[in-house]
C-alpha atoms as a PDB file:
ATOM      1  CA  MET A   1     -27.696  30.719  70.983  1.00  0.00           C
ATOM      2  CA  GLN A   2     -28.921  31.337  74.511  1.00  0.00           C
ATOM      3  CA  LEU A   3     -27.097  29.336  77.170  1.00  0.00           C
ATOM      4  CA  SER A   4     -29.083  27.060  79.444  1.00  0.00           C
ATOM      5  CA  LYS A   5     -29.792  28.173  83.015  1.00  0.00           C
ATOM      6  CA  THR A   6     -30.258  24.573  84.220  1.00  0.00           C
ATOM      7  CA  PRO A   7     -27.898  23.654  87.103  1.00  0.00           C
ATOM      8  CA  GLY A   8     -25.049  21.508  85.812  1.00  0.00           C
ATOM      9  CA  ALA A   9     -25.523  22.616  82.190  1.00  0.00           C
ATOM     10  CA  GLY A  10     -21.982  23.973  82.052  1.00  0.00           C
ATOM     11  CA  PHE A  11     -20.511  20.669  83.212  1.00  0.00           C
ATOM     12  CA  ALA A  12     -22.715  18.763  80.741  1.00  0.00           C
ATOM     13  CA  TRP A  13     -21.495  21.012  77.920  1.00  0.00           C
ATOM     14  CA  LEU A  14     -17.878  20.470  78.966  1.00  0.00           C
ATOM     15  CA  ALA A  15     -18.301  16.677  79.181  1.00  0.00           C
ATOM     16  CA  VAL A  16     -20.044  16.401  75.808  1.00  0.00           C
ATOM     17  CA  THR A  17     -17.485  18.683  74.151  1.00  0.00           C
ATOM     18  CA  ALA A  18     -14.588  16.665  75.572  1.00  0.00           C
ATOM     19  CA  CYS A  19     -16.221  13.495  74.245  1.00  0.00           C
ATOM     20  CA  VAL A  20     -15.737  14.883  70.735  1.00  0.00           C
ATOM     21  CA  PHE A  21     -11.968  14.569  71.150  1.00  0.00           C
ATOM     22  CA  VAL A  22     -12.215  11.160  72.816  1.00  0.00           C
ATOM     23  CA  THR A  23     -14.578   9.779  70.160  1.00  0.00           C
ATOM     24  CA  ALA A  24     -12.379  10.980  67.303  1.00  0.00           C
ATOM     25  CA  PHE A  25      -9.301   9.563  69.029  1.00  0.00           C
ATOM     26  CA  TYR A  26     -10.556   6.022  69.680  1.00  0.00           C
ATOM     27  CA  THR A  27     -12.412   5.848  66.347  1.00  0.00           C
ATOM     28  CA  PHE A  28      -9.310   6.617  64.300  1.00  0.00           C
ATOM     29  CA  ARG A  29      -7.203   4.502  66.638  1.00  0.00           C
ATOM     30  CA  LEU A  30      -9.369   1.608  65.474  1.00  0.00           C
ATOM     31  CA  VAL A  31      -9.023   2.711  61.847  1.00  0.00           C
ATOM     32  CA  PHE A  32      -5.235   2.900  62.103  1.00  0.00           C
ATOM     33  CA  TYR A  33      -5.050  -0.465  63.860  1.00  0.00           C
ATOM     34  CA  ALA A  34      -7.221  -2.151  61.237  1.00  0.00           C
ATOM     35  CA  PHE A  35      -6.023  -0.595  57.994  1.00  0.00           C
ATOM     36  CA  HIS A  36      -2.592   0.940  58.597  1.00  0.00           C
ATOM     37  CA  GLY A  37       0.753   0.017  60.064  1.00  0.00           C
ATOM     38  CA  LYS A  38       2.284  -3.415  60.157  1.00  0.00           C
ATOM     39  CA  GLU A  39       0.289  -6.619  59.938  1.00  0.00           C
ATOM     40  CA  ARG A  40      -0.979  -7.917  63.250  1.00  0.00           C
ATOM     41  CA  PHE A  41      -1.868 -11.485  62.285  1.00  0.00           C
ATOM     42  CA  GLY A  42       0.519 -14.406  62.405  1.00  0.00           C
ATOM     43  CA  PRO A  43       1.273 -17.125  59.846  1.00  0.00           C
ATOM     44  CA  HIS A  44      -1.279 -19.461  61.436  1.00  0.00           C
ATOM     45  CA  ASP A  45      -4.057 -16.864  61.554  1.00  0.00           C
ATOM     46  CA  HIS A  46      -6.649 -16.461  58.841  1.00  0.00           C
ATOM     47  CA  ALA A  47      -5.742 -13.601  56.539  1.00  0.00           C
ATOM     48  CA  PRO A  48      -8.295 -10.774  56.466  1.00  0.00           C
ATOM     49  CA  HIS A  49     -10.761 -10.902  53.618  1.00  0.00           C
ATOM     50  CA  GLU A  50     -13.807  -9.037  52.455  1.00  0.00           C
ATOM     51  CA  SER A  51     -17.061  -9.922  54.156  1.00  0.00           C
ATOM     52  CA  PRO A  52     -19.788 -11.599  52.065  1.00  0.00           C
ATOM     53  CA  ALA A  53     -22.394  -9.562  50.229  1.00  0.00           C
ATOM     54  CA  VAL A  54     -25.011 -10.251  52.892  1.00  0.00           C
ATOM     55  CA  VAL A  55     -22.897  -8.090  55.221  1.00  0.00           C
ATOM     56  CA  THR A  56     -21.286  -5.645  52.772  1.00  0.00           C
ATOM     57  CA  VAL A  57     -24.426  -4.539  50.911  1.00  0.00           C
ATOM     58  CA  PRO A  58     -26.406  -3.476  54.027  1.00  0.00           C
ATOM     59  CA  LEU A  59     -23.352  -1.609  55.315  1.00  0.00           C
ATOM     60  CA  VAL A  60     -23.026   0.282  52.028  1.00  0.00           C
ATOM     61  CA  LEU A  61     -26.738   1.081  52.018  1.00  0.00           C
ATOM     62  CA  LEU A  62     -26.452   2.411  55.559  1.00  0.00           C
ATOM     63  CA  ALA A  63     -23.298   4.418  54.782  1.00  0.00           C
ATOM     64  CA  ILE A  64     -24.910   6.342  51.910  1.00  0.00           C
ATOM     65  CA  PRO A  65     -27.660   8.045  53.954  1.00  0.00           C
ATOM     66  CA  SER A  66     -25.274   8.546  56.880  1.00  0.00           C
ATOM     67  CA  ILE A  67     -23.159  10.730  54.570  1.00  0.00           C
ATOM     68  CA  CYS A  68     -25.916  12.412  52.592  1.00  0.00           C
ATOM     69  CA  ALA A  69     -28.712  12.731  55.150  1.00  0.00           C
ATOM     70  CA  GLY A  70     -27.257  15.933  56.541  1.00  0.00           C
ATOM     71  CA  TRP A  71     -28.370  17.781  53.425  1.00  0.00           C
ATOM     72  CA  LEU A  72     -31.983  17.154  54.448  1.00  0.00           C
ATOM     73  CA  ILE A  73     -31.655  18.423  57.997  1.00  0.00           C
ATOM     74  CA  GLY A  74     -33.006  21.850  57.121  1.00  0.00           C
ATOM     75  CA  PRO A  75     -36.345  20.949  55.505  1.00  0.00           C
ATOM     76  CA  VAL A  76     -36.878  17.948  57.794  1.00  0.00           C
ATOM     77  CA  LEU A  77     -36.309  19.658  61.151  1.00  0.00           C
ATOM     78  CA  PHE A  78     -36.959  23.305  60.455  1.00  0.00           C
ATOM     79  CA  GLY A  79     -38.839  23.406  57.152  1.00  0.00           C
ATOM     80  CA  GLY A  80     -42.176  22.213  55.859  1.00  0.00           C
ATOM     81  CA  TYR A  81     -41.121  18.643  55.065  1.00  0.00           C
ATOM     82  CA  PHE A  82     -43.887  17.194  57.241  1.00  0.00           C
ATOM     83  CA  GLY A  83     -46.362  19.917  56.389  1.00  0.00           C
ATOM     84  CA  GLY A  84     -48.728  20.697  59.247  1.00  0.00           C
ATOM     85  CA  SER A  85     -48.636  17.206  60.730  1.00  0.00           C
ATOM     86  CA  ILE A  86     -45.896  18.137  63.225  1.00  0.00           C
ATOM     87  CA  SER A  87     -45.709  21.402  65.138  1.00  0.00           C
ATOM     88  CA  ILE A  88     -43.330  22.658  67.806  1.00  0.00           C
ATOM     89  CA  ALA A  89     -44.940  23.104  71.214  1.00  0.00           C
ATOM     90  CA  SER A  90     -44.690  26.556  72.737  1.00  0.00           C
ATOM     91  CA  SER A  91     -42.937  25.085  75.761  1.00  0.00           C
ATOM     92  CA  HIS A  92     -40.221  23.468  73.602  1.00  0.00           C
ATOM     93  CA  THR A  93     -37.839  26.381  73.169  1.00  0.00           C
ATOM     94  CA  ALA A  94     -34.722  24.336  72.358  1.00  0.00           C
ATOM     95  CA  LEU A  95     -35.802  23.422  68.831  1.00  0.00           C
ATOM     96  CA  ARG A  96     -36.875  27.002  68.173  1.00  0.00           C
ATOM     97  CA  GLU A  97     -33.432  28.218  69.228  1.00  0.00           C
ATOM     98  CA  MET A  98     -31.816  25.648  66.899  1.00  0.00           C
ATOM     99  CA  ALA A  99     -34.041  26.779  64.019  1.00  0.00           C
ATOM    100  CA  GLY A 100     -32.899  30.357  64.568  1.00  0.00           C
ATOM    101  CA  GLU A 101     -29.254  29.290  64.343  1.00  0.00           C
ATOM    102  CA  PHE A 102     -29.686  27.188  61.193  1.00  0.00           C
ATOM    103  CA  HIS A 103     -28.877  29.035  57.962  1.00  0.00           C
ATOM    104  CA  GLY A 104     -28.427  26.197  55.495  1.00  0.00           C
ATOM    105  CA  VAL A 105     -26.032  23.288  55.089  1.00  0.00           C
ATOM    106  CA  LEU A 106     -23.148  25.115  53.409  1.00  0.00           C
ATOM    107  CA  PRO A 107     -23.118  28.060  55.858  1.00  0.00           C
ATOM    108  CA  MET A 108     -23.229  25.588  58.745  1.00  0.00           C
ATOM    109  CA  MET A 109     -20.289  23.690  57.265  1.00  0.00           C
ATOM    110  CA  ALA A 110     -18.331  26.925  56.915  1.00  0.00           C
ATOM    111  CA  HIS A 111     -19.215  27.910  60.458  1.00  0.00           C
ATOM    112  CA  ALA A 112     -18.149  24.498  61.811  1.00  0.00           C
ATOM    113  CA  VAL A 113     -14.537  25.272  60.931  1.00  0.00           C
ATOM    114  CA  LYS A 114     -14.629  28.042  63.527  1.00  0.00           C
ATOM    115  CA  ALA A 115     -16.272  25.920  66.220  1.00  0.00           C
ATOM    116  CA  ILE A 116     -14.511  24.129  69.081  1.00  0.00           C
ATOM    117  CA  PRO A 117     -15.837  20.606  68.243  1.00  0.00           C
ATOM    118  CA  PHE A 118     -14.265  20.751  64.772  1.00  0.00           C
ATOM    119  CA  TRP A 119     -10.801  21.413  66.157  1.00  0.00           C
ATOM    120  CA  LEU A 120     -11.269  18.857  68.918  1.00  0.00           C
ATOM    121  CA  THR A 121     -12.139  16.305  66.251  1.00  0.00           C
ATOM    122  CA  ALA A 122      -9.070  17.223  64.237  1.00  0.00           C
ATOM    123  CA  GLY A 123      -6.975  17.062  67.404  1.00  0.00           C
ATOM    124  CA  GLY A 124      -8.296  13.583  68.251  1.00  0.00           C
ATOM    125  CA  ILE A 125      -7.487  12.303  64.757  1.00  0.00           C
ATOM    126  CA  ALA A 126      -4.025  13.875  64.840  1.00  0.00           C
ATOM    127  CA  ALA A 127      -3.294  12.429  68.292  1.00  0.00           C
ATOM    128  CA  ALA A 128      -4.345   8.948  67.185  1.00  0.00           C
ATOM    129  CA  TRP A 129      -2.169   9.208  64.070  1.00  0.00           C
ATOM    130  CA  TYR A 130       0.834  10.440  66.050  1.00  0.00           C
ATOM    131  CA  LEU A 131       0.581   7.715  68.723  1.00  0.00           C
ATOM    132  CA  TYR A 132      -0.311   4.734  66.554  1.00  0.00           C
ATOM    133  CA  ILE A 133       1.270   5.498  63.166  1.00  0.00           C
ATOM    134  CA  PHE A 134       4.077   8.052  63.488  1.00  0.00           C
ATOM    135  CA  ARG A 135       5.355   7.083  66.991  1.00  0.00           C
ATOM    136  CA  PRO A 136       3.773   3.700  67.784  1.00  0.00           C
ATOM    137  CA  GLU A 137       6.222   3.057  70.631  1.00  0.00           C
ATOM    138  CA  LEU A 138       5.142   6.223  72.427  1.00  0.00           C
ATOM    139  CA  HIS A 139       1.682   5.019  73.481  1.00  0.00           C
ATOM    140  CA  VAL A 140       3.295   1.969  75.123  1.00  0.00           C
ATOM    141  CA  LYS A 141       5.544   4.235  77.215  1.00  0.00           C
ATOM    142  CA  LEU A 142       2.647   6.499  78.121  1.00  0.00           C
ATOM    143  CA  ARG A 143       0.623   3.487  79.168  1.00  0.00           C
ATOM    144  CA  GLN A 144       3.424   2.294  81.438  1.00  0.00           C
ATOM    145  CA  LYS A 145       3.907   5.728  83.012  1.00  0.00           C
ATOM    146  CA  ALA A 146       0.183   6.361  83.520  1.00  0.00           C
ATOM    147  CA  GLY A 147       0.017   3.522  86.036  1.00  0.00           C
ATOM    148  CA  VAL A 148      -3.132   3.660  88.127  1.00  0.00           C
ATOM    149  CA  LEU A 149      -4.854   5.953  85.623  1.00  0.00           C
ATOM    150  CA  VAL A 150      -4.794   3.176  83.004  1.00  0.00           C
ATOM    151  CA  THR A 151      -6.234   0.756  85.543  1.00  0.00           C
ATOM    152  CA  ILE A 152      -9.050   3.185  86.382  1.00  0.00           C
ATOM    153  CA  LEU A 153      -9.922   3.622  82.718  1.00  0.00           C
ATOM    154  CA  GLU A 154      -9.702  -0.095  81.946  1.00  0.00           C
ATOM    155  CA  GLU A 155     -11.945  -0.843  84.929  1.00  0.00           C
ATOM    156  CA  LYS A 156     -14.356   1.877  83.702  1.00  0.00           C
ATOM    157  CA  TYR A 157     -14.193   3.613  87.084  1.00  0.00           C
ATOM    158  CA  GLY A 158     -15.448   0.410  88.707  1.00  0.00           C
ATOM    159  CA  PHE A 159     -19.013   0.886  87.492  1.00  0.00           C
ATOM    160  CA  ASP A 160     -19.168  -2.417  85.620  1.00  0.00           C
ATOM    161  CA  ARG A 161     -17.943  -4.344  88.646  1.00  0.00           C
ATOM    162  CA  PHE A 162     -20.377  -2.498  90.908  1.00  0.00           C
ATOM    163  CA  TYR A 163     -23.318  -3.131  88.572  1.00  0.00           C
ATOM    164  CA  ASP A 164     -22.378  -6.796  88.270  1.00  0.00           C
ATOM    165  CA  TRP A 165     -22.025  -7.175  92.061  1.00  0.00           C
ATOM    166  CA  PHE A 166     -24.987  -5.055  93.154  1.00  0.00           C
ATOM    167  CA  PHE A 167     -27.619  -5.340  90.421  1.00  0.00           C
ATOM    168  CA  ALA A 168     -26.782  -8.534  88.507  1.00  0.00           C
ATOM    169  CA  GLY A 169     -25.279 -10.297  91.520  1.00  0.00           C
ATOM    170  CA  GLY A 170     -28.069  -9.093  93.784  1.00  0.00           C
ATOM    171  CA  ALA A 171     -30.687 -10.356  91.360  1.00  0.00           C
ATOM    172  CA  ARG A 172     -28.912 -13.711  91.142  1.00  0.00           C
ATOM    173  CA  ARG A 173     -28.704 -14.005  94.932  1.00  0.00           C
ATOM    174  CA  PHE A 174     -32.345 -13.002  95.316  1.00  0.00           C
ATOM    175  CA  GLY A 175     -33.425 -15.540  92.700  1.00  0.00           C
ATOM    176  CA  ASN A 176     -31.244 -18.210  94.280  1.00  0.00           C
ATOM    177  CA  GLY A 177     -32.879 -17.506  97.641  1.00  0.00           C
ATOM    178  CA  LEU A 178     -36.344 -17.757  96.137  1.00  0.00           C
ATOM    179  CA  TRP A 179     -35.357 -21.038  94.505  1.00  0.00           C
ATOM    180  CA  ARG A 180     -33.933 -22.531  97.692  1.00  0.00           C
ATOM    181  CA  PHE A 181     -36.791 -21.418  99.961  1.00  0.00           C
ATOM    182  CA  GLY A 182     -39.745 -21.422  97.585  1.00  0.00           C
ATOM    183  CA  ASP A 183     -38.940 -24.274  95.242  1.00  0.00           C
ATOM    184  CA  VAL A 184     -36.691 -26.597  97.217  1.00  0.00           C
ATOM    185  CA  THR A 185     -38.019 -26.018 100.757  1.00  0.00           C
ATOM    186  CA  VAL A 186     -41.707 -25.148 100.346  1.00  0.00           C
ATOM    187  CA  ILE A 187     -42.802 -26.778  97.077  1.00  0.00           C
ATOM    188  CA  ASP A 188     -40.503 -29.809  96.839  1.00  0.00           C
ATOM    189  CA  GLY A 189     -39.692 -30.269 100.504  1.00  0.00           C
ATOM    190  CA  LEU A 190     -42.991 -29.434 102.235  1.00  0.00           C
ATOM    191  CA  MET A 191     -45.781 -29.791  99.683  1.00  0.00           C
ATOM    192  CA  VAL A 192     -44.536 -32.574  97.398  1.00  0.00           C
ATOM    193  CA  ASN A 193     -42.110 -34.633  99.471  1.00  0.00           C
ATOM    194  CA  GLY A 194     -43.735 -33.632 102.756  1.00  0.00           C
ATOM    195  CA  SER A 195     -47.211 -34.716 101.731  1.00  0.00           C
ATOM    196  CA  ALA A 196     -45.804 -37.952 100.294  1.00  0.00           C
ATOM    197  CA  SER A 197     -43.932 -38.648 103.545  1.00  0.00           C
ATOM    198  CA  LEU A 198     -47.046 -37.878 105.612  1.00  0.00           C
ATOM    199  CA  ILE A 199     -49.178 -40.242 103.553  1.00  0.00           C
ATOM    200  CA  GLY A 200     -46.488 -42.913 103.731  1.00  0.00           C
ATOM    201  CA  TRP A 201     -46.284 -42.571 107.544  1.00  0.00           C
ATOM    202  CA  PHE A 202     -50.078 -42.638 107.939  1.00  0.00           C
ATOM    203  CA  ALA A 203     -50.309 -45.686 105.650  1.00  0.00           C
ATOM    204  CA  GLY A 204     -47.660 -47.444 107.746  1.00  0.00           C
ATOM    205  CA  VAL A 205     -49.614 -46.764 110.933  1.00  0.00           C
ATOM    206  CA  VAL A 206     -52.912 -47.918 109.395  1.00  0.00           C
ATOM    207  CA  ARG A 207     -51.181 -50.998 108.026  1.00  0.00           C
ATOM    208  CA  LEU A 208     -50.379 -52.112 111.573  1.00  0.00           C
ATOM    209  CA  LEU A 209     -54.092 -52.236 112.327  1.00  0.00           C
ATOM    210  CA  GLN A 210     -54.872 -54.339 109.282  1.00  0.00           C
ATOM    211  CA  SER A 211     -53.456 -57.679 110.460  1.00  0.00           C
ATOM    212  CA  GLY A 212     -56.039 -59.929 108.748  1.00  0.00           C
ATOM    213  CA  PHE A 213     -56.922 -61.816 111.972  1.00  0.00           C
ATOM    214  CA  ILE A 214     -60.576 -61.692 113.054  1.00  0.00           C
ATOM    215  CA  TYR A 215     -59.776 -61.832 116.775  1.00  0.00           C
ATOM    216  CA  HIS A 216     -57.625 -58.689 116.391  1.00  0.00           C
ATOM    217  CA  TYR A 217     -60.561 -56.814 114.859  1.00  0.00           C
ATOM    218  CA  ALA A 218     -62.934 -58.143 117.582  1.00  0.00           C
ATOM    219  CA  PHE A 219     -60.494 -57.063 120.277  1.00  0.00           C
ATOM    220  CA  SER A 220     -60.234 -53.605 118.705  1.00  0.00           C
ATOM    221  CA  MET A 221     -64.025 -53.292 118.641  1.00  0.00           C
ATOM    222  CA  ILE A 222     -64.227 -54.295 122.358  1.00  0.00           C
ATOM    223  CA  ILE A 223     -61.583 -51.693 123.231  1.00  0.00           C
ATOM    224  CA  GLY A 224     -63.478 -49.074 121.258  1.00  0.00           C
ATOM    225  CA  VAL A 225     -66.828 -49.883 122.896  1.00  0.00           C
ATOM    226  CA  SER A 226     -65.164 -49.827 126.342  1.00  0.00           C
ATOM    227  CA  MET A 227     -63.761 -46.366 125.644  1.00  0.00           C
ATOM    228  CA  LEU A 228     -67.172 -45.071 124.538  1.00  0.00           C
ATOM    229  CA  LEU A 229     -68.865 -46.511 127.660  1.00  0.00           C
ATOM    230  CA  THR A 230     -66.220 -44.955 129.878  1.00  0.00           C
ATOM    231  CA  TYR A 231     -66.744 -41.579 128.227  1.00  0.00           C
ATOM    232  CA  PHE A 232     -70.508 -41.591 128.568  1.00  0.00           C
ATOM    233  CA  ILE A 233     -70.534 -42.953 132.149  1.00  0.00           C
ATOM    234  CA  PHE A 234     -67.736 -40.964 133.773  1.00  0.00           C
ATOM    235  CA  PHE A 235     -67.670 -37.787 131.672  1.00  0.00           C
ATOM    236  CA  ARG A 236     -71.290 -37.397 130.632  1.00  0.00           C
ATOM    237  CA  GLY A 237     -72.741 -39.070 133.791  1.00  0.00           C
ATOM    238  CA  THR A 238     -75.354 -41.063 131.941  1.00  0.00           C
ATOM    239  CA  LEU A 239     -75.924 -43.170 128.850  1.00  0.00           C
ATOM    240  CA  VAL A 240     -79.129 -41.266 128.081  1.00  0.00           C
ATOM    241  CA  PRO A 241     -78.662 -37.912 126.428  1.00  0.00           C
END
C-alpha cells in the first residue's frame, strides 16, 4: 500500500498503531477484573448476577454480527453488493488502494499474523494478564513508582479540566452574566420593577393634588391662569396671536 504524503501522517500512523496495544491492554484489564482473580465484593454487597433478558438479548444480537460481519467486508466494500448504486469517486484513492490490498477474508486473516497490530494486540493482552492475574502486586508497585506520570494520565493531560474551565465554565459565566444584566437588571429591574416604581411615584405625586377640597382646585386654576397670562404678556408680548 502506498504511504500517505500528508504532513503528520507518520505520527498519526504511530499514534493509531500504539493505541492497538493500549486498547487491548485496558480491555482485557477490565475482563480480568470482572471475571478472573479473587472476588472484589464484600459480604454486604450485592452478589453479581445475570442481567435480565431485556439487556442480555440485545447484547447477544449485537455480538453475533460483530463477530460474523467481517466475512461480508469483501462484497460490501469492494464487490458488487450494492450494484451500481454506489461508485467510488476518482478523487477518492484511499478506498481504491484498500481494494487492491484485499484478497479475501482468509488470506487477510493469515496476513494479519505477520502484521504489527496483531502482535501489539497479543502484547497488550499478555501484559494485562501478567500485571492483573499472574503478578497482581506488580501493577501497584509500578503505579507507586510512576509518580507524576500516573497523575498526568489520571488527569487526562489536563484537557478535561481545561475544557470544563474554558468552554463549560466560560459558557456558564457568560450565561450568568446575561442573566444578571439582561434578566435581573434590564427586564426585572428596569422594565418591570422600574416601570412599576415610576407609576407608583407619579401616582403619589398626582395624589397630592387630589385633596377633595374645592378651594384647592380653584386656587390651582388661578395659579395656572396667572402662569399663562405671565407667559403671553412677558414672553410673547401680547395676548393676541
